[in-house]
């Protein structure tokens, strides 16, 4: 009877632990104290990197703006992970590379952006898995074994 009680307690403990939400943090946002050191119109790209660190992402072109992104994702049991917090810090520069603006956005400021998926066609039609696996046997080129 005692073994049954221990096993039941263990099963209940595992079930409760499996339903506990877990949180993961991704990315980096510089602390407010570091941002206070930046002076619009004075600091340059190099001085911004020295003070707040390298950006998470830069602009598309060389010399673009800096973006710092931090997200918190909650996973609850078998449910799909959900982003519960996202902070984006955008640091803009003018054409001379001088700091022109610092903006901060939260998840509540954003909008849902549908990402398009690019799928490359595999160009494999009517070929079984076994044929794909064994298809290269005997195809040894003249440079085999050199190196």
Foldseek 3Di string as FASTA:
>chain_A
DVVVVVVVVVVVVVVVVLQDKDKDKDWDDFDPVLVVPADAPPDFPVVNCVRRNAAPDADPDVLGKGKTKMWMWIDGHPDDIDTPKMKIWIFGADPVRTTHDIDMDMPVRDDDDDDDDDDDDPPDDPADPVCVVCVCVPVDDPCPPPD
